[in-house]
C-alpha atoms as a PDB file:
ATOM      1  CA  MET A   1      72.366  35.064  87.307  1.00  0.00           C
ATOM      2  CA  ASP A   2      73.276  32.745  84.538  1.00  0.00           C
ATOM      3  CA  LYS A   3      72.299  29.114  85.190  1.00  0.00           C
ATOM      4  CA  GLY A   4      75.117  28.160  83.621  1.00  0.00           C
ATOM      5  CA  PHE A   5      77.174  30.753  86.161  1.00  0.00           C
ATOM      6  CA  ILE A   6      75.372  28.906  89.040  1.00  0.00           C
ATOM      7  CA  GLU A   7      76.409  25.126  87.607  1.00  0.00           C
ATOM      8  CA  GLU A   8      80.318  26.057  87.279  1.00  0.00           C
ATOM      9  CA  LEU A   9      80.457  27.852  90.598  1.00  0.00           C
ATOM     10  CA  MET A  10      78.851  24.709  91.963  1.00  0.00           C
ATOM     11  CA  LYS A  11      81.307  22.208  90.131  1.00  0.00           C
ATOM     12  CA  LYS A  12      84.643  24.031  90.984  1.00  0.00           C
ATOM     13  CA  THR A  13      83.108  24.753  95.227  1.00  0.00           C
ATOM     14  CA  GLY A  14      80.878  22.182  96.030  1.00  0.00           C
ATOM     15  CA  LEU A  15      78.243  24.640  96.766  1.00  0.00           C
ATOM     16  CA  SER A  16      74.532  23.541  96.663  1.00  0.00           C
ATOM     17  CA  GLN A  17      72.141  24.702  94.243  1.00  0.00           C
ATOM     18  CA  ALA A  18      70.472  27.404  96.620  1.00  0.00           C
ATOM     19  CA  ASP A  19      74.210  28.782  98.050  1.00  0.00           C
ATOM     20  CA  GLY A  20      75.276  29.265  94.400  1.00  0.00           C
ATOM     21  CA  GLU A  21      72.082  31.091  93.692  1.00  0.00           C
ATOM     22  CA  LYS A  22      72.842  33.365  96.862  1.00  0.00           C
ATOM     23  CA  VAL A  23      76.293  33.909  95.827  1.00  0.00           C
ATOM     24  CA  GLY A  24      74.991  34.638  92.478  1.00  0.00           C
ATOM     25  CA  GLU A  25      72.952  37.616  93.910  1.00  0.00           C
ATOM     26  CA  VAL A  26      76.333  38.823  95.863  1.00  0.00           C
ATOM     27  CA  MET A  27      77.996  38.863  92.594  1.00  0.00           C
ATOM     28  CA  GLU A  28      75.340  40.529  90.685  1.00  0.00           C
ATOM     29  CA  SER A  29      74.161  43.400  93.648  1.00  0.00           C
ATOM     30  CA  ASN A  30      77.991  44.713  93.538  1.00  0.00           C
ATOM     31  CA  ASN A  31      80.154  46.327  91.464  1.00  0.00           C
ATOM     32  CA  LEU A  32      83.271  43.719  90.533  1.00  0.00           C
ATOM     33  CA  LEU A  33      85.534  46.487  89.318  1.00  0.00           C
ATOM     34  CA  GLY A  34      85.326  49.109  90.989  1.00  0.00           C
ATOM     35  CA  GLY A  35      83.353  47.253  94.594  1.00  0.00           C
ATOM     36  CA  ASN A  36      85.117  46.909  97.429  1.00  0.00           C
ATOM     37  CA  ILE A  37      85.809  43.247  97.485  1.00  0.00           C
ATOM     38  CA  GLY A  38      86.515  43.056 101.646  1.00  0.00           C
ATOM     39  CA  ASP A  39      82.629  44.236 101.518  1.00  0.00           C
ATOM     40  CA  ILE A  40      81.164  41.440  98.925  1.00  0.00           C
ATOM     41  CA  ILE A  41      83.664  38.572 100.416  1.00  0.00           C
ATOM     42  CA  SER A  42      81.652  39.852 104.135  1.00  0.00           C
ATOM     43  CA  GLN A  43      78.604  39.558 101.951  1.00  0.00           C
ATOM     44  CA  ILE A  44      79.125  35.994 101.037  1.00  0.00           C
ATOM     45  CA  ALA A  45      80.157  35.014 104.281  1.00  0.00           C
ATOM     46  CA  SER A  46      77.144  36.168 105.632  1.00  0.00           C
ATOM     47  CA  LYS A  47      74.655  34.807 103.680  1.00  0.00           C
ATOM     48  CA  LEU A  48      76.413  30.975 103.408  1.00  0.00           C
ATOM     49  CA  GLY A  49      76.948  31.425 107.266  1.00  0.00           C
ATOM     50  CA  ILE A  50      80.503  30.351 106.494  1.00  0.00           C
ATOM     51  CA  GLY A  51      84.036  31.782 107.639  1.00  0.00           C
ATOM     52  CA  GLU A  52      85.854  34.962 105.620  1.00  0.00           C
ATOM     53  CA  ASP A  53      88.227  32.719 104.159  1.00  0.00           C
ATOM     54  CA  LYS A  54      85.842  30.387 102.625  1.00  0.00           C
ATOM     55  CA  ALA A  55      83.880  33.243 101.096  1.00  0.00           C
ATOM     56  CA  LYS A  56      87.494  34.587  99.821  1.00  0.00           C
ATOM     57  CA  ASP A  57      87.839  31.210  98.107  1.00  0.00           C
ATOM     58  CA  ILE A  58      84.035  31.000  96.662  1.00  0.00           C
ATOM     59  CA  PHE A  59      84.182  34.617  95.223  1.00  0.00           C
ATOM     60  CA  GLU A  60      87.603  33.750  93.555  1.00  0.00           C
ATOM     61  CA  LYS A  61      85.904  31.129  92.286  1.00  0.00           C
ATOM     62  CA  ALA A  62      83.231  32.687  91.132  1.00  0.00           C
ATOM     63  CA  LYS A  63      85.140  36.260  89.798  1.00  0.00           C
ATOM     64  CA  GLU A  64      87.009  33.100  87.443  1.00  0.00           C
ATOM     65  CA  ILE A  65      83.872  32.254  85.666  1.00  0.00           C
ATOM     66  CA  LEU A  66      82.594  35.638  85.458  1.00  0.00           C
ATOM     67  CA  SER A  67      86.356  36.554  83.214  1.00  0.00           C
ATOM     68  CA  GLY A  68      86.353  33.221  81.698  1.00  0.00           C
ATOM     69  CA  GLY A  69      82.572  34.441  80.053  1.00  0.00           C
ATOM     70  CA  LEU A  70      83.688  37.721  79.490  1.00  0.00           C
ATOM     71  CA  LEU A  71      86.732  36.399  77.330  1.00  0.00           C
ATOM     72  CA  ASP A  72      84.569  34.455  75.333  1.00  0.00           C
ATOM     73  CA  LYS A  73      82.290  37.188  74.995  1.00  0.00           C
ATOM     74  CA  PHE A  74      84.976  39.237  73.256  1.00  0.00           C
ATOM     75  CA  LYS A  75      86.638  36.274  71.522  1.00  0.00           C
ATOM     76  CA  ASN A  76      83.591  35.480  69.718  1.00  0.00           C
ATOM     77  CA  PRO A  77      80.920  38.462  70.029  1.00  0.00           C
ATOM     78  CA  PHE A  78      78.780  37.174  67.906  1.00  0.00           C
ATOM     79  CA  GLY A  79      77.887  34.071  69.460  1.00  0.00           C
ATOM     80  CA  GLY A  80      79.158  32.623  66.234  1.00  0.00           C
ATOM     81  CA  GLN A  81      76.676  33.679  63.901  1.00  0.00           C
END
């Protein structure tokens, strides 16, 4: 997962870099548009050894970061060229 994503996730959630990378792996390996959100949250909870409520909060923040990056690409598709 993109280093900027991990850094932003660490800021928003207080996760360590290692835990941020684990969440990034889960997010990368799942279909966020058509996937089962419950499964993704369960995977995050399992990888981090946390409860489902905390995992859901992390998932929501990760999704916000990812959707923000996608919106930036739509707004500026050529990277300022």
